[in-house]
């Protein structure tokens, strides 16, 4: 999980995304079966867990960068045989930087913070 988070955050930074948040969540969906040991310590069985630890990453990017960010994440996440997460794209009508009182797409990239 930590390796995947590092890959995602590196990709977001490379694409000049100025901010992101992540948190640990319990998730359900496509999950790998895994072996667990029974109470006696000897018996082993393979199960699909009902819930699994996951990390959710949230960021907002300008529409002009969205496709590049998505392509980079999808192409840099390693094996295609394992589910690595879902990217949800949602329309955001505007963004506001309370400290500078600026708004719009320009506050969503590092170039705004360097100005």
Protein backbone atom coordinates (compact mmCIF):
# COMPACT_ATOMS: atom_id res chain seq x y z
CA UNK A 1 0.00 0.00 0.00
CA UNK A 2 2.77 2.45 0.93
CA UNK A 3 4.63 1.76 -2.34
CA UNK A 4 1.49 2.51 -4.35
CA UNK A 5 0.91 5.73 -2.39
CA UNK A 6 4.46 6.84 -3.15
CA UNK A 7 3.96 6.18 -6.87
CA UNK A 8 0.71 8.15 -6.92
CA UNK A 9 2.07 11.12 -4.99
CA UNK A 10 5.22 11.22 -7.15
CA UNK A 11 3.04 11.27 -10.27
CA UNK A 12 0.84 14.02 -8.88
CA UNK A 13 3.87 16.14 -7.96
CA UNK A 14 5.37 15.58 -11.41
CA UNK A 15 2.14 16.87 -12.96
CA UNK A 16 2.41 20.05 -10.84
CA UNK A 17 -0.58 19.26 -8.66
CA UNK A 18 -0.36 21.61 -5.70
CA UNK A 19 -2.19 19.62 -3.08
CA UNK A 20 -3.54 16.24 -2.16
CA UNK A 21 -4.98 14.49 0.85
CA UNK A 22 -4.89 10.83 1.76
CA UNK A 23 -6.39 8.76 4.50
CA UNK A 24 -6.60 5.14 5.54
CA UNK A 25 -9.98 3.53 4.92
CA UNK A 26 -11.59 0.10 4.97
CA UNK A 27 -12.75 -0.93 1.52
CA UNK A 28 -14.65 -3.69 -0.18
CA UNK A 29 -14.68 -4.71 -3.82
CA UNK A 30 -12.32 -6.68 -6.02
CA UNK A 31 -9.83 -8.16 -3.57
CA UNK A 32 -7.22 -10.86 -3.72
CA UNK A 33 -7.87 -14.05 -1.83
CA UNK A 34 -5.32 -14.66 0.91
CA UNK A 35 -4.31 -17.45 3.22
CA UNK A 36 -5.11 -17.25 6.91
CA UNK A 37 -4.10 -19.60 9.71
CA UNK A 38 -6.81 -21.15 11.83
CA UNK A 39 -6.80 -20.94 15.62
CA UNK A 40 -4.72 -24.12 16.00
CA UNK A 41 -1.84 -22.53 14.06
CA UNK A 42 -1.60 -25.44 11.61
CA UNK A 43 -4.69 -25.25 9.46
CA UNK A 44 -4.55 -22.89 6.52
CA UNK A 45 -7.45 -21.77 4.38
CA UNK A 46 -7.83 -19.26 1.58
CA UNK A 47 -10.48 -16.61 2.01
CA UNK A 48 -11.56 -13.34 0.45
CA UNK A 49 -11.74 -10.78 3.23
CA UNK A 50 -14.96 -8.81 3.64
CA UNK A 51 -13.01 -5.56 4.07
CA UNK A 52 -9.43 -4.58 3.40
CA UNK A 53 -7.15 -1.71 4.43
CA UNK A 54 -6.80 0.84 1.65
CA UNK A 55 -5.51 4.35 1.17
CA UNK A 56 -7.73 6.96 -0.47
CA UNK A 57 -6.02 9.84 -2.27
CA UNK A 58 -8.00 12.97 -3.09
CA UNK A 59 -6.82 15.83 -5.29
CA UNK A 60 -8.32 18.42 -7.59
CA UNK A 61 -6.63 19.23 -10.89
CA UNK A 62 -7.47 21.62 -13.73
CA UNK A 63 -9.38 20.02 -16.60
CA UNK A 64 -6.38 20.65 -18.86
CA UNK A 65 -4.21 18.34 -16.69
CA UNK A 66 -6.76 15.66 -15.81
CA UNK A 67 -6.12 13.34 -18.75
CA UNK A 68 -2.32 13.52 -18.31
CA UNK A 69 -2.58 12.81 -14.57
CA UNK A 70 -4.91 9.85 -15.14
CA UNK A 71 -2.70 8.42 -17.89
CA UNK A 72 0.43 8.73 -15.73
CA UNK A 73 -1.20 7.03 -12.74
CA UNK A 74 -2.69 4.20 -14.80
CA UNK A 75 0.59 3.58 -16.65
CA UNK A 76 2.82 3.75 -13.55
CA UNK A 77 0.93 1.54 -11.12
CA UNK A 78 2.66 -1.73 -11.96
CA UNK A 79 1.01 -5.08 -12.59
CA UNK A 80 -2.23 -5.14 -14.52
CA UNK A 81 -3.20 -8.38 -12.75
CA UNK A 82 -3.89 -6.76 -9.41
CA UNK A 83 -6.59 -4.20 -8.68
CA UNK A 84 -4.85 -1.03 -7.61
CA UNK A 85 -7.75 1.32 -7.11
CA UNK A 86 -10.25 3.47 -8.92
CA UNK A 87 -9.97 6.98 -10.29
CA UNK A 88 -13.19 8.94 -10.00
CA UNK A 89 -13.50 12.12 -12.06
CA UNK A 90 -15.95 14.69 -10.78
CA UNK A 91 -16.78 18.17 -12.07
CA UNK A 92 -15.70 20.96 -9.71
CA UNK A 93 -17.26 24.34 -10.42
CA UNK A 94 -14.52 26.41 -8.77
CA UNK A 95 -11.74 26.42 -6.17
CA UNK A 96 -10.78 29.19 -3.75
CA UNK A 97 -7.52 29.86 -1.93
CA UNK A 98 -8.58 31.49 1.34
CA UNK A 99 -5.13 32.93 2.12
CA UNK A 100 -4.56 34.70 -1.21
CA UNK A 101 -8.23 35.14 -2.10
CA UNK A 102 -7.46 33.82 -5.62
CA UNK A 103 -9.79 31.40 -7.34
CA UNK A 104 -9.98 29.18 -10.40
CA UNK A 105 -7.74 26.60 -11.99
CA UNK A 106 -4.54 28.53 -11.37
CA UNK A 107 -4.60 27.75 -7.64
CA UNK A 108 -4.56 24.01 -8.37
CA UNK A 109 -0.97 23.89 -9.60
CA UNK A 110 2.44 24.58 -8.09
CA UNK A 111 2.98 27.53 -10.42
CA UNK A 112 0.38 29.49 -8.39
CA UNK A 113 2.29 28.89 -5.16
CA UNK A 114 5.59 29.96 -6.71
CA UNK A 115 4.19 33.30 -7.94
